[in-house]
Amino acid sequence: MTPIEKINRAYGEIVIPQHTFSPRIILFTCNHNPYGALLLLGINRMKYPSGYIPLRLACAGDVSPGLFLKAFLKGADGVLVLGCPREQCAHRVGNLLMENTVTVTRTLLGTLGMQPDRLSMKLLPAGDYVALHEYLLDFYRDMVQQGPSPLRKGDSLVTIT
């Protein structure tokens, strides 16, 4: 009996998938509260999927529908925006601007024939890295279930210029 046959007999048939989909997700994060939570993930050695590409912004309210759409056009399978909680925004209304922009962009995505839930947002306090970890894992699982973005071409790296 060969070693492979012994392993298969002891542990069952080993099936190695030929290719698994790994989504690329642009993670826009405000420089204040949410970025602190993202840093705490690393400090506490909590791992999240490698498909995330974090981009730090001065304020999550600075994003525009064009920036989100460009991320999808450049090959992102999902876009996640993290902003400060209400009444904790350093710029006072940045989180409200972000919420409005996400709502408008999700409508645009639906009009363009894409799933609107490929774009998501969360308001997150600085110390809540556990909730951030769960949210990152949940969003990643959702993107895996949805599969590649209809706008994604090949496996080239996402670069936003």
Protein backbone atom coordinates (compact mmCIF):
# COMPACT_ATOMS: atom_id res chain seq x y z
CA MET A 1 0.00 0.00 0.00
CA THR A 2 1.39 3.40 -0.98
CA PRO A 3 1.67 6.25 1.56
CA ILE A 4 -1.14 8.15 -0.20
CA GLU A 5 -3.40 5.09 0.00
CA LYS A 6 -2.62 4.76 3.73
CA ILE A 7 -3.49 8.40 4.33
CA ASN A 8 -6.69 8.11 2.31
CA ARG A 9 -7.65 4.96 4.20
CA ALA A 10 -6.93 6.53 7.61
CA TYR A 11 -8.41 9.97 7.02
CA GLY A 12 -10.71 9.58 4.06
CA GLU A 13 -10.21 10.77 0.53
CA ILE A 14 -8.21 13.99 0.33
CA VAL A 15 -9.64 16.37 -2.23
CA ILE A 16 -7.54 19.36 -3.20
CA PRO A 17 -9.55 22.01 -5.05
CA GLN A 18 -8.01 23.06 -8.34
CA HIS A 19 -8.81 26.75 -7.94
CA THR A 20 -10.65 28.59 -5.24
CA PHE A 21 -11.93 32.11 -5.60
CA SER A 22 -10.28 34.68 -3.34
CA PRO A 23 -12.06 38.04 -3.52
CA ARG A 24 -10.18 41.31 -3.63
CA ILE A 25 -11.81 43.87 -1.38
CA ILE A 26 -10.87 47.53 -1.14
CA LEU A 27 -11.16 48.67 2.48
CA PHE A 28 -11.51 52.45 2.74
CA THR A 29 -11.03 53.49 6.35
CA CYS A 30 -11.24 56.81 8.12
CA ASN A 31 -7.97 57.91 9.71
CA HIS A 32 -9.60 58.33 13.12
CA ASN A 33 -11.72 55.68 14.92
CA PRO A 34 -11.89 52.84 12.35
CA TYR A 35 -8.20 52.96 11.49
CA GLY A 36 -7.42 52.57 15.18
CA ALA A 37 -9.58 49.43 15.28
CA LEU A 38 -7.74 48.10 12.22
CA LEU A 39 -4.40 48.71 13.94
CA LEU A 40 -5.65 46.90 17.05
CA LEU A 41 -6.40 43.86 14.88
CA GLY A 42 -2.72 43.66 14.05
CA ILE A 43 -1.53 44.44 17.58
CA ASN A 44 -3.73 41.62 18.91
CA ARG A 45 -2.60 39.30 16.09
CA MET A 46 -6.13 38.73 14.85
CA LYS A 47 -5.93 37.58 11.27
CA TYR A 48 -8.29 38.57 8.51
CA PRO A 49 -8.32 37.39 4.87
CA SER A 50 -5.43 38.56 2.71
CA GLY A 51 -7.82 39.73 -0.02
CA TYR A 52 -8.37 43.04 1.79
CA ILE A 53 -6.50 46.08 0.51
CA PRO A 54 -6.77 48.79 3.19
CA LEU A 55 -6.63 52.43 2.14
CA ARG A 56 -6.55 55.10 4.84
CA LEU A 57 -8.48 58.33 4.24
CA ALA A 58 -8.39 61.61 6.14
CA CYS A 59 -12.16 61.22 6.51
CA ALA A 60 -14.59 58.60 5.21
CA GLY A 61 -16.77 61.53 4.12
CA ASP A 62 -14.17 62.30 1.42
CA VAL A 63 -15.23 59.33 -0.71
CA SER A 64 -17.28 59.80 -3.85
CA PRO A 65 -19.34 57.46 -6.01
CA GLY A 66 -16.65 57.81 -8.68
CA LEU A 67 -13.99 56.47 -6.32
CA PHE A 68 -16.10 53.43 -5.47
CA LEU A 69 -16.92 52.77 -9.11
CA LYS A 70 -13.25 53.13 -10.07
CA ALA A 71 -12.34 50.48 -7.47
CA PHE A 72 -14.77 48.07 -9.15
CA LEU A 73 -13.50 48.99 -12.62
CA LYS A 74 -9.95 48.28 -11.46
CA GLY A 75 -10.92 44.75 -10.42
CA ALA A 76 -12.25 44.90 -6.86
CA ASP A 77 -14.87 42.28 -6.04
CA GLY A 78 -16.14 44.27 -3.08
CA VAL A 79 -15.68 47.65 -1.43
CA LEU A 80 -15.98 48.23 2.28
CA VAL A 81 -16.00 51.68 3.92
CA LEU A 82 -15.37 52.22 7.62
CA GLY A 83 -16.37 55.49 9.22
CA CYS A 84 -16.56 56.98 12.70
CA PRO A 85 -19.69 56.46 14.82
CA ARG A 86 -22.25 59.21 15.11
CA GLU A 87 -21.14 62.07 17.36
CA GLN A 88 -17.53 60.80 17.25
CA CYS A 89 -16.67 62.12 13.80
CA ALA A 90 -13.66 64.43 13.98
CA HIS A 91 -15.09 66.34 11.01
CA ARG A 92 -18.61 66.40 12.50
CA VAL A 93 -20.54 65.25 9.41
CA GLY A 94 -18.08 62.94 7.64
CA ASN A 95 -20.02 59.82 8.58
CA LEU A 96 -23.27 61.34 7.30
CA LEU A 97 -21.62 62.24 3.99
CA MET A 98 -20.25 58.71 3.75
CA GLU A 99 -23.67 57.17 4.39
CA ASN A 100 -25.25 59.32 1.67
CA THR A 101 -22.48 58.50 -0.80
CA VAL A 102 -22.79 54.76 -0.13
CA THR A 103 -26.57 54.92 -0.59
CA VAL A 104 -26.24 56.76 -3.92
CA THR A 105 -23.50 54.42 -5.15
CA ARG A 106 -25.44 51.29 -4.21
CA THR A 107 -28.33 52.61 -6.30
CA LEU A 108 -25.92 53.18 -9.19
CA LEU A 109 -24.54 49.66 -8.86
CA GLY A 110 -28.05 48.23 -9.06
CA THR A 111 -28.75 50.33 -12.13
CA LEU A 112 -25.54 49.04 -13.73
CA GLY A 113 -26.60 45.44 -13.11
CA MET A 114 -24.24 44.72 -10.21
CA GLN A 115 -25.21 43.49 -6.77
CA PRO A 116 -25.53 46.60 -4.56
CA ASP A 117 -24.32 44.67 -1.52
CA ARG A 118 -20.83 44.47 -3.05
CA LEU A 119 -20.49 47.90 -1.43
CA SER A 120 -20.90 48.01 2.33
CA MET A 121 -20.19 50.40 5.17
CA LYS A 122 -19.86 50.32 8.92
CA LEU A 123 -19.54 52.98 11.60
CA LEU A 124 -16.95 51.75 14.06
CA PRO A 125 -15.47 53.06 17.32
CA ALA A 126 -11.68 52.96 17.73
CA GLY A 127 -11.50 50.18 20.29
CA ASP A 128 -14.00 47.80 18.75
CA TYR A 129 -11.55 45.61 16.87
CA VAL A 130 -13.48 42.43 17.74
CA ALA A 131 -16.59 43.70 15.93
CA LEU A 132 -14.38 44.81 13.02
CA HIS A 133 -12.86 41.35 12.82
CA GLU A 134 -16.28 39.70 12.65
CA TYR A 135 -17.48 42.22 10.08
CA LEU A 136 -14.43 41.67 7.85
CA LEU A 137 -14.90 37.90 7.96
CA ASP A 138 -18.65 38.16 7.24
CA PHE A 139 -18.17 40.53 4.30
CA TYR A 140 -15.40 38.30 2.89
CA ARG A 141 -17.69 35.24 3.10
CA ASP A 142 -20.43 37.19 1.31
CA MET A 143 -18.02 38.09 -1.50
CA VAL A 144 -16.87 34.47 -1.80
CA GLN A 145 -20.53 33.39 -2.17
CA GLN A 146 -21.22 36.06 -4.80
CA GLY A 147 -18.14 35.16 -6.80
CA PRO A 148 -16.01 37.49 -8.91
CA SER A 149 -17.30 40.92 -9.81
CA PRO A 150 -18.76 41.08 -13.32
CA LEU A 151 -16.27 43.89 -13.99
CA ARG A 152 -13.21 41.89 -12.88
CA LYS A 153 -10.84 40.96 -15.66
CA GLY A 154 -8.23 38.30 -14.97
CA ASP A 155 -6.14 38.12 -11.83
CA SER A 156 -4.18 41.35 -12.07
CA LEU A 157 -3.58 43.30 -8.89
CA VAL A 158 -5.87 46.17 -8.05
CA THR A 159 -4.18 49.55 -8.39
CA ILE A 160 -6.10 52.76 -7.95
CA THR A 161 -4.53 55.80 -9.57
